[in-house]
Protein backbone atom coordinates (compact mmCIF):
# COMPACT_ATOMS: atom_id res chain seq x y z
CA MET A 1 0.14 -0.10 0.17
CA ALA A 2 1.30 3.23 -0.84
CA GLN A 3 1.40 6.13 1.68
CA ASP A 4 -1.30 8.38 -0.54
CA GLU A 5 -3.67 5.55 0.25
CA LYS A 6 -3.89 5.51 3.99
CA ARG A 7 -3.93 9.06 4.33
CA PRO A 8 -7.46 11.00 3.95
CA SER A 9 -8.24 13.57 1.65
CA ASP A 10 -7.49 16.98 2.23
CA ALA A 11 -11.00 18.26 1.83
CA ALA A 12 -12.56 15.63 4.35
CA GLU A 13 -9.57 16.42 6.75
CA ALA A 14 -10.42 20.39 6.47
CA GLY A 15 -14.01 19.52 6.97
CA ARG A 16 -13.38 17.54 10.35
CA ARG A 17 -10.89 20.36 11.47
CA ALA A 18 -13.47 23.04 11.07
CA ARG A 19 -16.03 20.86 12.75
CA PHE A 20 -13.82 19.45 15.81
CA GLY A 21 -10.99 21.23 15.60
CA ARG A 22 -11.52 23.21 18.86
CA LEU A 23 -13.35 22.67 21.94
CA PRO A 24 -16.75 24.36 22.65
CA GLU A 25 -17.14 27.40 24.43
CA ARG A 26 -16.87 27.52 28.08
CA VAL A 27 -20.09 27.57 30.41
CA ARG A 28 -19.80 29.91 33.22
CA LEU A 29 -20.88 28.06 36.52
CA GLU A 30 -23.43 31.07 37.17
CA ASP A 31 -25.18 30.39 33.70
CA THR A 32 -25.70 26.54 34.78
CA VAL A 33 -27.80 27.46 38.05
CA GLN A 34 -31.32 28.36 38.27
CA VAL A 35 -32.63 30.09 41.94
CA LYS A 36 -36.02 30.01 42.31
CA PRO A 37 -38.27 29.05 45.53
CA ALA A 38 -38.81 25.18 45.59
CA THR A 39 -42.91 26.23 46.41
CA VAL A 40 -45.06 29.23 46.50
CA PRO A 41 -45.90 30.55 49.75
CA ASP A 42 -49.19 29.39 51.17
CA PRO A 43 -50.93 31.49 53.46
CA ALA A 44 -53.68 28.87 54.49
CA ARG A 45 -50.93 26.30 55.77
CA ASP A 46 -49.22 29.14 58.05
CA ALA A 47 -52.97 29.80 59.48
CA TYR A 48 -52.71 26.06 60.75
CA ASP A 49 -53.84 25.92 64.50
CA SER A 50 -51.94 22.89 66.36
CA HIS A 51 -54.81 22.39 68.72
CA ASP A 52 -57.33 22.08 66.07
CA TRP A 53 -57.34 18.15 66.34
CA LEU A 54 -58.07 18.38 69.77
CA VAL A 55 -61.24 20.54 69.27
CA ARG A 56 -62.68 18.47 66.38
CA THR A 57 -62.06 15.01 68.61
CA CYS A 58 -63.22 16.34 72.10
CA LEU A 59 -65.84 18.02 71.11
């Protein structure tokens, strides 16, 4: 086999270098994090009376 048969064509090599020749842009850590509340505050949840079960059960 000749040396030229093993070597890929220059056009194919140039295409690969254009596509894969460098690493992608770096992504900053700040761009990968999204901060938002886990749940929406519910006013009815905070209005719970801890002794309510006693009133419902005993009366």
